[in-house]
Amino acid sequence: MRYLVTWEFKREDMEKLIAKELKYQEIIKKNPEKYPKNVIPIHMVDADTVVTVWDVDNPEQIANKILYMLPEGKAKIVPIFEASEMIKLMMQAKK
């Protein structure tokens, strides 16, 4: 399943978060199954918010990433799916 992820943080924590993210990139090379996969690169929204899209195989991957980024990073996570899937479900419901 895919998720839209918005990370918020305090500007004064930016250096800590950058260091954590760089270390995280090394960690996921060793244990990729433990964490969500970024579908798109992380994008800046403003000075204290970034967004990405995750591909997740199980909920533990989400928990592992959130716990890793705490306390500096706070995530809002929303499940997303392709519009074509919604259209297919709507058409099936009409039958």
PDB file of N, CA and C in Angstrom:
ATOM      1  N   MET A   1       0.843  -1.172   0.000  1.00  0.00           N
ATOM      2  CA  MET A   1       0.000   0.000   0.000  1.00  0.00           C
ATOM      3  C   MET A   1       0.891   1.237   0.000  1.00  0.00           C
ATOM      4  N   ARG A   2       0.368   2.284  -0.579  1.00  0.00           N
ATOM      5  CA  ARG A   2       1.130   3.543  -0.638  1.00  0.00           C
ATOM      6  C   ARG A   2       0.539   4.582   0.318  1.00  0.00           C
ATOM      7  N   TYR A   3       1.441   5.448   0.785  1.00  0.00           N
ATOM      8  CA  TYR A   3       1.065   6.483   1.740  1.00  0.00           C
ATOM      9  C   TYR A   3       1.718   7.803   1.349  1.00  0.00           C
ATOM     10  N   LEU A   4       0.954   8.883   1.491  1.00  0.00           N
ATOM     11  CA  LEU A   4       1.497  10.232   1.377  1.00  0.00           C
ATOM     12  C   LEU A   4       1.980  10.612   2.773  1.00  0.00           C
ATOM     13  N   VAL A   5       3.247  10.982   2.878  1.00  0.00           N
ATOM     14  CA  VAL A   5       3.850  11.254   4.177  1.00  0.00           C
ATOM     15  C   VAL A   5       4.332  12.692   4.224  1.00  0.00           C
ATOM     16  N   THR A   6       3.870  13.409   5.229  1.00  0.00           N
ATOM     17  CA  THR A   6       4.314  14.780   5.479  1.00  0.00           C
ATOM     18  C   THR A   6       5.069  14.792   6.797  1.00  0.00           C
ATOM     19  N   TRP A   7       6.311  15.220   6.737  1.00  0.00           N
ATOM     20  CA  TRP A   7       7.133  15.342   7.941  1.00  0.00           C
ATOM     21  C   TRP A   7       7.226  16.812   8.320  1.00  0.00           C
ATOM     22  N   GLU A   8       6.961  17.100   9.582  1.00  0.00           N
ATOM     23  CA  GLU A   8       7.139  18.456  10.107  1.00  0.00           C
ATOM     24  C   GLU A   8       8.209  18.426  11.176  1.00  0.00           C
ATOM     25  N   PHE A   9       8.950  19.507  11.265  1.00  0.00           N
ATOM     26  CA  PHE A   9      10.046  19.586  12.220  1.00  0.00           C
ATOM     27  C   PHE A   9      10.329  21.043  12.534  1.00  0.00           C
ATOM     28  N   LYS A  10      11.065  21.255  13.599  1.00  0.00           N
ATOM     29  CA  LYS A  10      11.488  22.610  13.961  1.00  0.00           C
ATOM     30  C   LYS A  10      12.767  22.923  13.193  1.00  0.00           C
ATOM     31  N   ARG A  11      12.875  24.144  12.739  1.00  0.00           N
ATOM     32  CA  ARG A  11      14.058  24.533  11.953  1.00  0.00           C
ATOM     33  C   ARG A  11      15.355  24.292  12.709  1.00  0.00           C
ATOM     34  N   GLU A  12      15.321  24.490  14.023  1.00  0.00           N
ATOM     35  CA  GLU A  12      16.549  24.294  14.792  1.00  0.00           C
ATOM     36  C   GLU A  12      16.973  22.816  14.850  1.00  0.00           C
ATOM     37  N   ASP A  13      16.070  21.900  14.469  1.00  0.00           N
ATOM     38  CA  ASP A  13      16.398  20.468  14.430  1.00  0.00           C
ATOM     39  C   ASP A  13      16.832  19.990  13.047  1.00  0.00           C
ATOM     40  N   MET A  14      16.902  20.886  12.087  1.00  0.00           N
ATOM     41  CA  MET A  14      17.201  20.510  10.704  1.00  0.00           C
ATOM     42  C   MET A  14      18.524  19.745  10.584  1.00  0.00           C
ATOM     43  N   GLU A  15      19.575  20.216  11.231  1.00  0.00           N
ATOM     44  CA  GLU A  15      20.868  19.529  11.119  1.00  0.00           C
ATOM     45  C   GLU A  15      20.803  18.120  11.702  1.00  0.00           C
ATOM     46  N   LYS A  16      20.109  17.951  12.833  1.00  0.00           N
ATOM     47  CA  LYS A  16      19.953  16.623  13.426  1.00  0.00           C
ATOM     48  C   LYS A  16      19.205  15.695  12.470  1.00  0.00           C
ATOM     49  N   LEU A  17      18.158  16.224  11.854  1.00  0.00           N
ATOM     50  CA  LEU A  17      17.364  15.404  10.937  1.00  0.00           C
ATOM     51  C   LEU A  17      18.134  15.042   9.679  1.00  0.00           C
ATOM     52  N   ILE A  18      18.919  15.954   9.176  1.00  0.00           N
ATOM     53  CA  ILE A  18      19.746  15.651   8.004  1.00  0.00           C
ATOM     54  C   ILE A  18      20.720  14.535   8.350  1.00  0.00           C
ATOM     55  N   ALA A  19      21.352  14.620   9.518  1.00  0.00           N
ATOM     56  CA  ALA A  19      22.281  13.576   9.948  1.00  0.00           C
ATOM     57  C   ALA A  19      21.558  12.237  10.101  1.00  0.00           C
ATOM     58  N   LYS A  20      20.362  12.269  10.687  1.00  0.00           N
ATOM     59  CA  LYS A  20      19.576  11.040  10.838  1.00  0.00           C
ATOM     60  C   LYS A  20      19.220  10.450   9.478  1.00  0.00           C
ATOM     61  N   GLU A  21      18.818  11.288   8.561  1.00  0.00           N
ATOM     62  CA  GLU A  21      18.418  10.804   7.230  1.00  0.00           C
ATOM     63  C   GLU A  21      19.609  10.206   6.487  1.00  0.00           C
ATOM     64  N   LEU A  22      20.773  10.826   6.592  1.00  0.00           N
ATOM     65  CA  LEU A  22      21.963  10.265   5.942  1.00  0.00           C
ATOM     66  C   LEU A  22      22.325   8.909   6.536  1.00  0.00           C
ATOM     67  N   LYS A  23      22.221   8.785   7.854  1.00  0.00           N
ATOM     68  CA  LYS A  23      22.478   7.499   8.502  1.00  0.00           C
ATOM     69  C   LYS A  23      21.414   6.481   8.099  1.00  0.00           C
ATOM     70  N   TYR A  24      20.183   6.935   8.004  1.00  0.00           N
ATOM     71  CA  TYR A  24      19.068   6.067   7.595  1.00  0.00           C
ATOM     72  C   TYR A  24      19.308   5.473   6.213  1.00  0.00           C
ATOM     73  N   GLN A  25      19.844   6.266   5.301  1.00  0.00           N
ATOM     74  CA  GLN A  25      20.135   5.768   3.954  1.00  0.00           C
ATOM     75  C   GLN A  25      21.106   4.589   3.997  1.00  0.00           C
ATOM     76  N   GLU A  26      22.042   4.607   4.926  1.00  0.00           N
ATOM     77  CA  GLU A  26      22.971   3.486   5.098  1.00  0.00           C
ATOM     78  C   GLU A  26      22.265   2.288   5.750  1.00  0.00           C
ATOM     79  N   ILE A  27      21.413   2.564   6.724  1.00  0.00           N
ATOM     80  CA  ILE A  27      20.687   1.495   7.429  1.00  0.00           C
ATOM     81  C   ILE A  27      19.797   0.714   6.473  1.00  0.00           C
ATOM     82  N   ILE A  28      19.079   1.420   5.601  1.00  0.00           N
ATOM     83  CA  ILE A  28      18.143   0.708   4.720  1.00  0.00           C
ATOM     84  C   ILE A  28      18.863  -0.116   3.655  1.00  0.00           C
ATOM     85  N   LYS A  29      20.105   0.204   3.382  1.00  0.00           N
ATOM     86  CA  LYS A  29      20.875  -0.643   2.457  1.00  0.00           C
ATOM     87  C   LYS A  29      21.108  -2.024   3.070  1.00  0.00           C
ATOM     88  N   LYS A  30      21.253  -2.071   4.388  1.00  0.00           N
ATOM     89  CA  LYS A  30      21.500  -3.329   5.085  1.00  0.00           C
ATOM     90  C   LYS A  30      20.208  -4.080   5.408  1.00  0.00           C
ATOM     91  N   ASN A  31      19.128  -3.345   5.690  1.00  0.00           N
ATOM     92  CA  ASN A  31      17.847  -3.948   6.085  1.00  0.00           C
ATOM     93  C   ASN A  31      16.674  -3.292   5.346  1.00  0.00           C
ATOM     94  N   PRO A  32      16.619  -3.390   4.033  1.00  0.00           N
ATOM     95  CA  PRO A  32      15.565  -2.681   3.295  1.00  0.00           C
ATOM     96  C   PRO A  32      14.153  -3.148   3.633  1.00  0.00           C
ATOM     97  N   GLU A  33      14.006  -4.398   4.058  1.00  0.00           N
ATOM     98  CA  GLU A  33      12.674  -4.928   4.356  1.00  0.00           C
ATOM     99  C   GLU A  33      12.106  -4.373   5.659  1.00  0.00           C
ATOM    100  N   LYS A  34      12.916  -3.730   6.469  1.00  0.00           N
ATOM    101  CA  LYS A  34      12.498  -3.226   7.775  1.00  0.00           C
ATOM    102  C   LYS A  34      11.802  -1.860   7.697  1.00  0.00           C
ATOM    103  N   TYR A  35      11.956  -1.156   6.568  1.00  0.00           N
ATOM    104  CA  TYR A  35      11.476   0.223   6.465  1.00  0.00           C
ATOM    105  C   TYR A  35      10.675   0.438   5.185  1.00  0.00           C
ATOM    106  N   PRO A  36       9.839   1.498   5.154  1.00  0.00           N
ATOM    107  CA  PRO A  36       9.108   1.820   3.923  1.00  0.00           C
ATOM    108  C   PRO A  36      10.070   2.200   2.798  1.00  0.00           C
ATOM    109  N   LYS A  37       9.609   2.017   1.577  1.00  0.00           N
ATOM    110  CA  LYS A  37      10.405   2.423   0.418  1.00  0.00           C
ATOM    111  C   LYS A  37       9.862   3.762  -0.089  1.00  0.00           C
ATOM    112  N   ASN A  38      10.757   4.712  -0.324  1.00  0.00           N
ATOM    113  CA  ASN A  38      10.327   5.977  -0.926  1.00  0.00           C
ATOM    114  C   ASN A  38      10.022   5.731  -2.398  1.00  0.00           C
ATOM    115  N   VAL A  39       8.827   6.104  -2.826  1.00  0.00           N
ATOM    116  CA  VAL A  39       8.440   5.992  -4.232  1.00  0.00           C
ATOM    117  C   VAL A  39       8.966   7.191  -5.003  1.00  0.00           C
ATOM    118  N   ILE A  40       8.972   8.327  -4.332  1.00  0.00           N
ATOM    119  CA  ILE A  40       9.534   9.561  -4.901  1.00  0.00           C
ATOM    120  C   ILE A  40      10.560  10.107  -3.914  1.00  0.00           C
ATOM    121  N   PRO A  41      11.503  10.901  -4.385  1.00  0.00           N
ATOM    122  CA  PRO A  41      12.440  11.532  -3.455  1.00  0.00           C
ATOM    123  C   PRO A  41      11.704  12.463  -2.486  1.00  0.00           C
ATOM    124  N   ILE A  42      12.330  12.736  -1.376  1.00  0.00           N
ATOM    125  CA  ILE A  42      11.767  13.683  -0.408  1.00  0.00           C
ATOM    126  C   ILE A  42      11.770  15.070  -1.037  1.00  0.00           C
ATOM    127  N   HIS A  43      10.646  15.780  -0.904  1.00  0.00           N
ATOM    128  CA  HIS A  43      10.502  17.134  -1.455  1.00  0.00           C
ATOM    129  C   HIS A  43      10.233  18.131  -0.337  1.00  0.00           C
ATOM    130  N   MET A  44      10.883  19.279  -0.414  1.00  0.00           N
ATOM    131  CA  MET A  44      10.613  20.365   0.536  1.00  0.00           C
ATOM    132  C   MET A  44       9.313  21.062   0.153  1.00  0.00           C
ATOM    133  N   VAL A  45       8.485  21.323   1.159  1.00  0.00           N
ATOM    134  CA  VAL A  45       7.249  22.080   0.956  1.00  0.00           C
ATOM    135  C   VAL A  45       7.474  23.509   1.421  1.00  0.00           C
ATOM    136  N   ASP A  46       8.089  23.641   2.582  1.00  0.00           N
ATOM    137  CA  ASP A  46       8.530  24.944   3.085  1.00  0.00           C
ATOM    138  C   ASP A  46       9.718  24.697   4.007  1.00  0.00           C
ATOM    139  N   ALA A  47      10.090  25.685   4.786  1.00  0.00           N
ATOM    140  CA  ALA A  47      11.325  25.583   5.570  1.00  0.00           C
ATOM    141  C   ALA A  47      11.284  24.511   6.653  1.00  0.00           C
ATOM    142  N   ASP A  48      10.087  24.067   7.045  1.00  0.00           N
ATOM    143  CA  ASP A  48      10.012  23.065   8.117  1.00  0.00           C
ATOM    144  C   ASP A  48       9.065  21.905   7.797  1.00  0.00           C
ATOM    145  N   THR A  49       8.860  21.642   6.508  1.00  0.00           N
ATOM    146  CA  THR A  49       7.985  20.552   6.092  1.00  0.00           C
ATOM    147  C   THR A  49       8.512  19.899   4.825  1.00  0.00           C
ATOM    148  N   VAL A  50       8.529  18.561   4.835  1.00  0.00           N
ATOM    149  CA  VAL A  50       8.887  17.802   3.643  1.00  0.00           C
ATOM    150  C   VAL A  50       7.811  16.752   3.384  1.00  0.00           C
ATOM    151  N   VAL A  51       7.724  16.299   2.125  1.00  0.00           N
ATOM    152  CA  VAL A  51       6.757  15.253   1.771  1.00  0.00           C
ATOM    153  C   VAL A  51       7.439  14.183   0.924  1.00  0.00           C
ATOM    154  N   THR A  52       6.850  12.991   0.970  1.00  0.00           N
ATOM    155  CA  THR A  52       7.273  11.903   0.111  1.00  0.00           C
ATOM    156  C   THR A  52       6.099  10.935  -0.019  1.00  0.00           C
ATOM    157  N   VAL A  53       6.289   9.908  -0.814  1.00  0.00           N
ATOM    158  CA  VAL A  53       5.312   8.831  -0.930  1.00  0.00           C
ATOM    159  C   VAL A  53       6.040   7.533  -0.602  1.00  0.00           C
ATOM    160  N   TRP A  54       5.431   6.745   0.292  1.00  0.00           N
ATOM    161  CA  TRP A  54       6.010   5.461   0.687  1.00  0.00           C
ATOM    162  C   TRP A  54       5.254   4.314   0.051  1.00  0.00           C
ATOM    163  N   ASP A  55       5.968   3.243  -0.232  1.00  0.00           N
ATOM    164  CA  ASP A  55       5.391   1.955  -0.577  1.00  0.00           C
ATOM    165  C   ASP A  55       5.669   1.058   0.632  1.00  0.00           C
ATOM    166  N   VAL A  56       4.601   0.510   1.226  1.00  0.00           N
ATOM    167  CA  VAL A  56       4.725  -0.214   2.488  1.00  0.00           C
ATOM    168  C   VAL A  56       4.170  -1.627   2.338  1.00  0.00           C
ATOM    169  N   ASP A  57       4.955  -2.604   2.785  1.00  0.00           N
ATOM    170  CA  ASP A  57       4.517  -3.999   2.763  1.00  0.00           C
ATOM    171  C   ASP A  57       3.805  -4.406   4.048  1.00  0.00           C
ATOM    172  N   ASN A  58       4.212  -3.819   5.176  1.00  0.00           N
ATOM    173  CA  ASN A  58       3.552  -4.123   6.447  1.00  0.00           C
ATOM    174  C   ASN A  58       3.653  -2.922   7.381  1.00  0.00           C
ATOM    175  N   PRO A  59       2.720  -2.804   8.338  1.00  0.00           N
ATOM    176  CA  PRO A  59       2.682  -1.633   9.228  1.00  0.00           C
ATOM    177  C   PRO A  59       3.932  -1.452  10.085  1.00  0.00           C
ATOM    178  N   GLU A  60       4.646  -2.524  10.355  1.00  0.00           N
ATOM    179  CA  GLU A  60       5.877  -2.398  11.150  1.00  0.00           C
ATOM    180  C   GLU A  60       6.895  -1.499  10.469  1.00  0.00           C
ATOM    181  N   GLN A  61       6.890  -1.475   9.138  1.00  0.00           N
ATOM    182  CA  GLN A  61       7.820  -0.604   8.425  1.00  0.00           C
ATOM    183  C   GLN A  61       7.542   0.862   8.757  1.00  0.00           C
ATOM    184  N   ILE A  62       6.271   1.222   8.831  1.00  0.00           N
ATOM    185  CA  ILE A  62       5.898   2.595   9.181  1.00  0.00           C
ATOM    186  C   ILE A  62       6.360   2.902  10.602  1.00  0.00           C
ATOM    187  N   ALA A  63       6.061   2.012  11.530  1.00  0.00           N
ATOM    188  CA  ALA A  63       6.445   2.220  12.927  1.00  0.00           C
ATOM    189  C   ALA A  63       7.959   2.356  13.062  1.00  0.00           C
ATOM    190  N   ASN A  64       8.720   1.511  12.368  1.00  0.00           N
ATOM    191  CA  ASN A  64      10.180   1.586  12.448  1.00  0.00           C
ATOM    192  C   ASN A  64      10.703   2.940  11.990  1.00  0.00           C
ATOM    193  N   LYS A  65      10.165   3.467  10.897  1.00  0.00           N
ATOM    194  CA  LYS A  65      10.631   4.766  10.385  1.00  0.00           C
ATOM    195  C   LYS A  65      10.251   5.891  11.339  1.00  0.00           C
ATOM    196  N   ILE A  66       9.007   5.869  11.841  1.00  0.00           N
ATOM    197  CA  ILE A  66       8.574   6.921  12.766  1.00  0.00           C
ATOM    198  C   ILE A  66       9.442   6.917  14.021  1.00  0.00           C
ATOM    199  N   LEU A  67       9.642   5.736  14.594  1.00  0.00           N
ATOM    200  CA  LEU A  67      10.454   5.648  15.807  1.00  0.00           C
ATOM    201  C   LEU A  67      11.883   6.117  15.559  1.00  0.00           C
ATOM    202  N   TYR A  68      12.400   5.826  14.389  1.00  0.00           N
ATOM    203  CA  TYR A  68      13.761   6.259  14.059  1.00  0.00           C
ATOM    204  C   TYR A  68      13.861   7.787  14.011  1.00  0.00           C
ATOM    205  N   MET A  69      12.850   8.442  13.471  1.00  0.00           N
ATOM    206  CA  MET A  69      12.919   9.892  13.268  1.00  0.00           C
ATOM    207  C   MET A  69      12.514  10.703  14.500  1.00  0.00           C
ATOM    208  N   LEU A  70      11.911  10.058  15.496  1.00  0.00           N
ATOM    209  CA  LEU A  70      11.536  10.786  16.718  1.00  0.00           C
ATOM    210  C   LEU A  70      12.781  11.162  17.515  1.00  0.00           C
ATOM    211  N   PRO A  71      12.779  12.208  18.292  1.00  0.00           N
ATOM    212  CA  PRO A  71      11.661  13.114  18.527  1.00  0.00           C
ATOM    213  C   PRO A  71      11.619  14.304  17.568  1.00  0.00           C
ATOM    214  N   GLU A  72      12.641  14.456  16.728  1.00  0.00           N
ATOM    215  CA  GLU A  72      12.720  15.665  15.896  1.00  0.00           C
ATOM    216  C   GLU A  72      11.677  15.705  14.787  1.00  0.00           C
ATOM    217  N   GLY A  73      11.418  14.583  14.146  1.00  0.00           N
ATOM    218  CA  GLY A  73      10.477  14.551  13.031  1.00  0.00           C
ATOM    219  C   GLY A  73       9.107  14.036  13.442  1.00  0.00           C
ATOM    220  N   LYS A  74       8.065  14.738  13.047  1.00  0.00           N
ATOM    221  CA  LYS A  74       6.686  14.337  13.321  1.00  0.00           C
ATOM    222  C   LYS A  74       5.992  14.081  11.983  1.00  0.00           C
ATOM    223  N   ALA A  75       5.439  12.882  11.825  1.00  0.00           N
ATOM    224  CA  ALA A  75       4.864  12.488  10.541  1.00  0.00           C
ATOM    225  C   ALA A  75       3.341  12.503  10.554  1.00  0.00           C
ATOM    226  N   LYS A  76       2.773  12.909   9.421  1.00  0.00           N
ATOM    227  CA  LYS A  76       1.350  12.730   9.129  1.00  0.00           C
ATOM    228  C   LYS A  76       1.311  11.774   7.944  1.00  0.00           C
ATOM    229  N   ILE A  77       0.589  10.677   8.096  1.00  0.00           N
ATOM    230  CA  ILE A  77       0.614   9.608   7.100  1.00  0.00           C
ATOM    231  C   ILE A  77      -0.805   9.325   6.637  1.00  0.00           C
ATOM    232  N   VAL A  78      -1.015   9.417   5.314  1.00  0.00           N
ATOM    233  CA  VAL A  78      -2.340   9.234   4.729  1.00  0.00           C
ATOM    234  C   VAL A  78      -2.258   8.157   3.651  1.00  0.00           C
ATOM    235  N   PRO A  79      -3.093   7.108   3.752  1.00  0.00           N
ATOM    236  CA  PRO A  79      -3.080   6.096   2.685  1.00  0.00           C
ATOM    237  C   PRO A  79      -3.578   6.694   1.374  1.00  0.00           C
ATOM    238  N   ILE A  80      -2.950   6.289   0.274  1.00  0.00           N
ATOM    239  CA  ILE A  80      -3.374   6.755  -1.050  1.00  0.00           C
ATOM    240  C   ILE A  80      -3.455   5.553  -1.985  1.00  0.00           C
ATOM    241  N   PHE A  81      -4.222   5.701  -3.033  1.00  0.00           N
ATOM    242  CA  PHE A  81      -4.306   4.658  -4.053  1.00  0.00           C
ATOM    243  C   PHE A  81      -4.619   5.306  -5.378  1.00  0.00           C
ATOM    244  N   GLU A  82      -4.360   4.569  -6.448  1.00  0.00           N
ATOM    245  CA  GLU A  82      -4.551   5.113  -7.787  1.00  0.00           C
ATOM    246  C   GLU A  82      -6.034   5.359  -8.053  1.00  0.00           C
ATOM    247  N   ALA A  83      -6.328   6.441  -8.746  1.00  0.00           N
ATOM    248  CA  ALA A  83      -7.710   6.782  -9.068  1.00  0.00           C
ATOM    249  C   ALA A  83      -8.374   5.668  -9.863  1.00  0.00           C
ATOM    250  N   SER A  84      -7.611   4.980 -10.698  1.00  0.00           N
ATOM    251  CA  SER A  84      -8.193   3.898 -11.498  1.00  0.00           C
ATOM    252  C   SER A  84      -8.764   2.802 -10.603  1.00  0.00           C
ATOM    253  N   GLU A  85      -8.161   2.572  -9.439  1.00  0.00           N
ATOM    254  CA  GLU A  85      -8.689   1.578  -8.498  1.00  0.00           C
ATOM    255  C   GLU A  85     -10.028   2.034  -7.934  1.00  0.00           C
ATOM    256  N   MET A  86     -10.145   3.314  -7.612  1.00  0.00           N
ATOM    257  CA  MET A  86     -11.407   3.853  -7.099  1.00  0.00           C
ATOM    258  C   MET A  86     -12.487   3.756  -8.160  1.00  0.00           C
ATOM    259  N   ILE A  87     -12.156   4.088  -9.392  1.00  0.00           N
ATOM    260  CA  ILE A  87     -13.130   4.013 -10.486  1.00  0.00           C
ATOM    261  C   ILE A  87     -13.608   2.578 -10.661  1.00  0.00           C
ATOM    262  N   LYS A  88     -12.680   1.627 -10.622  1.00  0.00           N
ATOM    263  CA  LYS A  88     -13.047   0.214 -10.761  1.00  0.00           C
ATOM    264  C   LYS A  88     -14.010  -0.205  -9.648  1.00  0.00           C
ATOM    265  N   LEU A  89     -13.727   0.194  -8.417  1.00  0.00           N
ATOM    266  CA  LEU A  89     -14.598  -0.147  -7.293  1.00  0.00           C
ATOM    267  C   LEU A  89     -15.971   0.504  -7.423  1.00  0.00           C
ATOM    268  N   MET A  90     -16.000   1.740  -7.902  1.00  0.00           N
ATOM    269  CA  MET A  90     -17.287   2.431  -8.080  1.00  0.00           C
ATOM    270  C   MET A  90     -18.114   1.717  -9.150  1.00  0.00           C
ATOM    271  N   MET A  91     -17.476   1.287 -10.221  1.00  0.00           N
ATOM    272  CA  MET A  91     -18.185   0.608 -11.287  1.00  0.00           C
ATOM    273  C   MET A  91     -18.712  -0.746 -10.797  1.00  0.00           C
ATOM    274  N   GLN A  92     -17.942  -1.461  -9.996  1.00  0.00           N
ATOM    275  CA  GLN A  92     -18.387  -2.733  -9.455  1.00  0.00           C
ATOM    276  C   GLN A  92     -19.554  -2.552  -8.501  1.00  0.00           C
ATOM    277  N   ALA A  93     -19.542  -1.461  -7.737  1.00  0.00           N
ATOM    278  CA  ALA A  93     -20.611  -1.208  -6.765  1.00  0.00           C
ATOM    279  C   ALA A  93     -21.935  -0.911  -7.472  1.00  0.00           C
ATOM    280  N   LYS A  94     -21.895  -0.384  -8.690  1.00  0.00           N
ATOM    281  CA  LYS A  94     -23.107  -0.056  -9.437  1.00  0.00           C
ATOM    282  C   LYS A  94     -23.779  -1.306  -9.997  1.00  0.00           C
ATOM    283  N   LYS A  95     -23.056  -2.413 -10.101  1.00  0.00           N
ATOM    284  CA  LYS A  95     -23.608  -3.640 -10.690  1.00  0.00           C
ATOM    285  C   LYS A  95     -24.594  -4.301  -9.778  1.00  0.00           C
TER     286      LYS A  95
END
